[in-house]
N, C-alpha and C. Protein backbone atom coordinates (compact mmCIF):
# COMPACT_ATOMS: atom_id res chain seq x y z
N UNK A 1 -4.92 -9.45 -10.74
CA UNK A 1 -4.27 -8.88 -9.94
C UNK A 1 -4.93 -7.26 -10.11
N UNK A 2 -4.14 -7.34 -11.69
CA UNK A 2 -4.09 -5.56 -11.83
C UNK A 2 -5.45 -5.15 -12.66
N UNK A 3 -6.29 -6.49 -12.65
CA UNK A 3 -7.85 -6.30 -12.83
C UNK A 3 -8.66 -5.71 -11.45
N UNK A 4 -8.13 -6.24 -10.49
CA UNK A 4 -8.64 -5.84 -8.74
C UNK A 4 -7.66 -4.59 -8.56
N UNK A 5 -6.74 -4.45 -9.22
CA UNK A 5 -6.47 -2.92 -9.00
C UNK A 5 -6.67 -1.79 -9.72
N UNK A 6 -7.43 -2.19 -10.88
CA UNK A 6 -8.37 -1.33 -11.89
C UNK A 6 -9.40 -0.90 -11.54
N UNK A 7 -10.33 -1.94 -10.87
CA UNK A 7 -11.51 -1.98 -10.35
C UNK A 7 -11.44 -1.02 -8.72
N UNK A 8 -10.59 -1.50 -8.24
CA UNK A 8 -10.65 -0.09 -6.82
C UNK A 8 -10.03 0.92 -7.47
N UNK A 9 -9.33 1.49 -8.55
CA UNK A 9 -9.60 2.80 -8.77
C UNK A 9 -10.38 3.63 -9.65
N UNK A 10 -11.37 2.36 -10.24
CA UNK A 10 -12.36 3.16 -11.29
C UNK A 10 -13.46 2.84 -10.30
N UNK A 11 -13.43 2.09 -8.66
CA UNK A 11 -14.95 2.47 -8.26
C UNK A 11 -14.54 3.21 -7.02
N UNK A 12 -13.13 4.09 -6.76
CA UNK A 12 -12.88 5.22 -5.66
C UNK A 12 -12.32 4.48 -4.60
N UNK A 13 -12.37 2.97 -4.46
CA UNK A 13 -12.02 2.02 -2.89
C UNK A 13 -11.52 2.61 -2.26
N UNK A 14 -11.15 3.01 -0.98
CA UNK A 14 -10.58 3.44 0.07
C UNK A 14 -9.09 2.98 0.14
N UNK A 15 -8.29 3.83 -0.08
CA UNK A 15 -6.79 3.91 -0.04
C UNK A 15 -6.26 3.04 0.74
N UNK A 16 -6.77 2.33 1.86
CA UNK A 16 -6.12 1.56 2.36
C UNK A 16 -6.34 0.01 1.57
N UNK A 17 -7.37 -0.13 1.12
CA UNK A 17 -7.84 -1.18 0.41
C UNK A 17 -7.10 -1.17 -0.89
N UNK A 18 -6.74 -0.50 -1.81
CA UNK A 18 -5.99 -0.36 -2.72
C UNK A 18 -4.38 -0.51 -2.48
N UNK A 19 -3.87 0.14 -1.08
CA UNK A 19 -2.58 -0.39 -0.82
C UNK A 19 -2.27 -1.92 -0.45
N UNK A 20 -3.78 -2.74 -0.03
CA UNK A 20 -3.53 -3.93 -0.14
C UNK A 20 -3.32 -4.79 -1.37
N UNK A 21 -3.98 -3.97 -2.58
CA UNK A 21 -4.05 -4.68 -3.50
C UNK A 21 -2.72 -4.49 -4.21
N UNK A 22 -1.89 -3.09 -3.35
CA UNK A 22 -0.66 -3.30 -4.34
C UNK A 22 0.44 -3.92 -4.10
N UNK A 23 0.14 -4.24 -2.24
CA UNK A 23 1.03 -5.17 -2.11
C UNK A 23 1.21 -6.93 -2.02
N UNK A 24 -0.32 -6.97 -2.81
CA UNK A 24 -0.06 -8.34 -3.00
C UNK A 24 0.53 -8.28 -4.50
N UNK A 25 0.03 -7.32 -5.55
CA UNK A 25 0.84 -7.25 -6.54
C UNK A 25 2.80 -6.88 -6.53
N UNK A 26 3.28 -6.11 -5.34
CA UNK A 26 4.43 -6.25 -5.12
C UNK A 26 5.04 -7.88 -4.83
N UNK A 27 4.10 -8.55 -4.03
CA UNK A 27 4.91 -9.90 -3.53
C UNK A 27 4.82 -11.00 -4.94
N UNK A 28 3.73 -11.09 -5.49
CA UNK A 28 3.83 -11.47 -6.52
C UNK A 28 4.81 -11.10 -7.93
N UNK A 29 5.35 -9.96 -7.61
CA UNK A 29 6.45 -9.49 -8.43
C UNK A 29 7.71 -9.86 -8.21
N UNK A 30 8.05 -9.61 -7.19
CA UNK A 30 9.20 -10.29 -6.02
C UNK A 30 9.44 -11.68 -6.18
N UNK A 31 8.47 -12.13 -6.12
CA UNK A 31 8.81 -13.94 -6.37
C UNK A 31 8.86 -14.08 -8.11
N UNK A 32 8.68 -12.74 -8.55
CA UNK A 32 8.89 -12.85 -10.27
C UNK A 32 10.25 -12.65 -9.96
N UNK A 33 11.00 -11.91 -9.48
CA UNK A 33 12.21 -11.25 -9.62
C UNK A 33 12.59 -9.82 -10.11
N UNK A 34 10.86 -9.56 -10.49
CA UNK A 34 10.67 -8.47 -10.89
C UNK A 34 10.98 -7.32 -10.10
N UNK A 35 12.34 -7.01 -8.73
CA UNK A 35 12.00 -6.10 -8.16
C UNK A 35 12.15 -4.84 -8.13
N UNK A 36 12.45 -4.14 -9.33
CA UNK A 36 11.97 -2.80 -9.50
C UNK A 36 11.08 -2.47 -9.80
N UNK A 37 9.49 -3.60 -10.26
CA UNK A 37 8.16 -3.40 -10.97
C UNK A 37 7.73 -3.37 -9.65
N UNK A 38 8.20 -4.28 -8.49
CA UNK A 38 7.56 -4.65 -6.75
C UNK A 38 7.75 -3.38 -6.07
N UNK A 39 9.29 -2.35 -6.26
CA UNK A 39 9.82 -1.52 -5.14
C UNK A 39 8.42 -0.66 -5.74
N UNK A 40 8.10 -0.32 -6.91
CA UNK A 40 7.29 0.53 -7.31
C UNK A 40 5.77 0.65 -6.74
N UNK A 41 5.45 -0.33 -6.39
CA UNK A 41 4.19 -1.47 -5.96
C UNK A 41 4.07 -0.60 -4.53
N UNK A 42 5.20 -1.23 -3.71
CA UNK A 42 5.42 -1.00 -2.40
C UNK A 42 5.31 0.33 -1.94
N UNK A 43 6.14 1.20 -2.76
CA UNK A 43 5.85 3.08 -2.45
C UNK A 43 5.01 3.44 -2.61
N UNK A 44 4.18 2.81 -3.70
CA UNK A 44 2.50 3.58 -4.12
C UNK A 44 1.80 3.32 -2.32
N UNK A 45 2.05 2.17 -1.94
CA UNK A 45 0.85 1.30 -1.04
C UNK A 45 1.53 2.04 0.29
N UNK A 46 2.68 2.42 0.91
CA UNK A 46 3.32 2.75 1.81
C UNK A 46 2.84 4.32 1.44
N UNK A 47 2.42 5.11 0.20
CA UNK A 47 1.78 6.53 0.23
C UNK A 47 0.68 6.71 0.58
N UNK A 48 -0.47 5.24 -0.03
CA UNK A 48 -1.45 5.74 0.11
C UNK A 48 -1.94 5.17 1.80
N UNK A 49 -1.32 4.27 2.06
CA UNK A 49 -1.62 4.47 3.96
C UNK A 49 -1.23 5.90 4.79
N UNK A 50 0.16 6.53 4.25
CA UNK A 50 0.40 7.14 4.86
C UNK A 50 -1.02 8.02 4.79
N UNK A 51 -1.32 8.40 3.23
CA UNK A 51 -2.38 9.40 3.27
C UNK A 51 -3.17 9.49 3.71
N UNK A 52 -3.74 7.99 3.68
CA UNK A 52 -5.20 7.37 5.06
C UNK A 52 -4.91 7.91 6.24
N UNK A 53 -3.64 7.86 6.95
CA UNK A 53 -3.71 7.81 8.26
C UNK A 53 -3.44 9.01 8.71
N UNK A 54 -3.48 10.17 7.90
CA UNK A 54 -3.06 11.70 7.59
C UNK A 54 -4.51 11.97 7.22
N UNK A 55 -5.34 11.24 6.85
CA UNK A 55 -7.01 11.87 6.61
C UNK A 55 -7.76 11.35 7.58
N UNK A 56 -7.17 10.57 9.01
CA UNK A 56 -8.04 9.82 9.80
C UNK A 56 -8.01 11.29 10.36
N UNK A 57 -6.98 11.93 10.87
CA UNK A 57 -6.69 13.24 11.55
C UNK A 57 -7.48 14.62 11.09
N UNK A 58 -7.69 14.23 9.62
CA UNK A 58 -8.13 15.43 9.45
C UNK A 58 -9.79 15.65 9.89
N UNK A 59 -9.92 16.42 10.55
CA UNK A 59 -11.21 16.84 10.91
C UNK A 59 -12.25 17.10 9.38
N UNK A 60 -11.60 17.73 8.34
CA UNK A 60 -12.38 17.21 7.38
C UNK A 60 -12.52 16.23 6.65
N UNK A 61 -11.47 15.48 6.88
CA UNK A 61 -11.72 14.65 6.21
C UNK A 61 -11.76 12.53 6.69
N UNK A 62 -12.05 13.40 8.45
CA UNK A 62 -12.03 12.01 9.10
C UNK A 62 -13.45 10.98 9.05
N UNK A 63 -14.73 12.01 8.51
CA UNK A 63 -16.07 11.29 8.10
C UNK A 63 -16.13 10.36 7.38
N UNK A 64 -15.30 10.33 6.21
CA UNK A 64 -15.47 9.26 5.12
C UNK A 64 -14.99 8.07 5.62
N UNK A 65 -13.93 7.70 6.89
CA UNK A 65 -13.07 6.70 7.51
C UNK A 65 -13.74 5.87 8.84
N UNK A 66 -15.03 6.30 8.69
CA UNK A 66 -15.79 5.75 9.84
C UNK A 66 -15.55 4.05 10.43
N UNK A 67 -15.13 3.39 9.51
CA UNK A 67 -15.48 1.88 9.55
C UNK A 67 -14.00 1.43 9.65
N UNK A 68 -13.17 2.35 9.27
CA UNK A 68 -11.95 1.75 9.11
C UNK A 68 -11.38 1.29 10.54
N UNK A 69 -11.40 0.11 10.50
CA UNK A 69 -10.17 -0.42 11.70
C UNK A 69 -8.70 -0.44 11.49
N UNK A 70 -8.47 1.04 12.90
CA UNK A 70 -6.93 1.25 12.54
C UNK A 70 -5.81 0.94 12.74
N UNK A 71 -5.88 -0.39 13.82
CA UNK A 71 -5.17 -1.55 14.00
C UNK A 71 -4.71 -2.18 12.63
N UNK A 72 -5.71 -2.42 11.77
CA UNK A 72 -5.47 -3.31 10.18
C UNK A 72 -4.95 -1.87 9.41
N UNK A 73 -5.04 -1.07 9.93
CA UNK A 73 -4.11 -0.45 9.09
C UNK A 73 -3.09 0.17 9.38
N UNK A 74 -2.50 0.23 10.51
CA UNK A 74 -1.10 0.27 10.82
C UNK A 74 -0.73 -1.00 10.71
N UNK A 75 -1.31 -2.18 10.97
CA UNK A 75 -0.43 -3.24 11.13
C UNK A 75 0.00 -3.83 9.14
N UNK A 76 -1.33 -2.84 8.32
CA UNK A 76 -0.81 -2.70 7.18
C UNK A 76 0.24 -2.22 6.58
N UNK A 77 0.22 -0.60 7.54
CA UNK A 77 1.29 -0.39 6.86
C UNK A 77 3.05 -0.43 7.53
N UNK A 78 2.87 -1.45 8.55
CA UNK A 78 4.05 -2.29 8.78
C UNK A 78 4.20 -2.93 7.96
N UNK A 79 3.35 -4.29 7.22
CA UNK A 79 3.74 -4.85 5.99
C UNK A 79 4.37 -4.48 5.40
N UNK A 80 4.02 -2.81 4.44
CA UNK A 80 4.16 -2.35 3.42
C UNK A 80 5.72 -2.18 3.39
N UNK A 81 6.08 -1.03 4.93
CA UNK A 81 7.06 -1.04 4.95
C UNK A 81 8.17 -2.00 5.16
N UNK A 82 7.95 -3.28 5.54
CA UNK A 82 8.99 -3.80 5.50
C UNK A 82 9.33 -4.74 3.93
N UNK A 83 8.32 -4.47 2.90
CA UNK A 83 7.95 -4.85 1.90
C UNK A 83 9.17 -3.52 1.20
N UNK A 84 8.40 -2.87 1.40
CA UNK A 84 9.43 -1.50 0.75
C UNK A 84 11.04 -1.65 0.90
N UNK A 85 11.69 -2.33 2.13
CA UNK A 85 12.67 -2.38 2.86
C UNK A 85 13.42 -3.76 2.10
N UNK A 86 12.40 -4.60 2.18
CA UNK A 86 13.08 -6.14 0.96
C UNK A 86 13.25 -5.70 0.22
N UNK A 87 12.36 -4.81 -1.09
CA UNK A 87 12.71 -4.85 -2.18
C UNK A 87 13.95 -3.81 -2.53
N UNK A 88 14.34 -2.97 -1.71
CA UNK A 88 15.57 -1.97 -1.47
C UNK A 88 17.03 -2.97 -1.68
N UNK A 89 16.42 -3.97 -0.31
CA UNK A 89 17.53 -5.06 -0.04
C UNK A 89 17.75 -5.31 -1.64
N UNK A 90 16.86 -6.06 -1.89
CA UNK A 90 16.85 -6.98 -3.24
C UNK A 90 17.61 -6.19 -4.41
N UNK A 91 17.69 -5.02 -4.46
CA UNK A 91 17.97 -3.93 -5.55
C UNK A 91 19.30 -3.73 -5.00
N UNK A 92 19.74 -3.81 -3.94
CA UNK A 92 21.13 -3.23 -3.32
C UNK A 92 21.23 -1.84 -3.38
N UNK A 93 19.66 -1.39 -2.78
CA UNK A 93 20.49 0.18 -2.31
C UNK A 93 19.65 0.01 -0.95
N UNK A 94 20.86 0.32 -0.15
CA UNK A 94 21.39 0.36 1.41
C UNK A 94 20.90 1.54 1.78
N UNK A 95 20.91 3.04 0.98
CA UNK A 95 20.05 3.82 1.89
C UNK A 95 18.94 4.15 2.06
């Protein structure tokens, strides 16, 4: 997974793709009970997804997202927010 993330970053993959990779890493780390690290990846995924959604609504940036399926983007955001909540719960951070 780390090689996949490195490839995403080096090849300027869309933020939504990078977010999905980070969610996969989050799931693996959570399974290994490395919840603090998993929380970091979930947080980064949420940020990438919100940034992508903001870009979709920015006339100067939206042209680079012509082929983005917005329903998949929002579904991925839902999963990312759920993972963020789960990791916070594991860490007993209820704020």
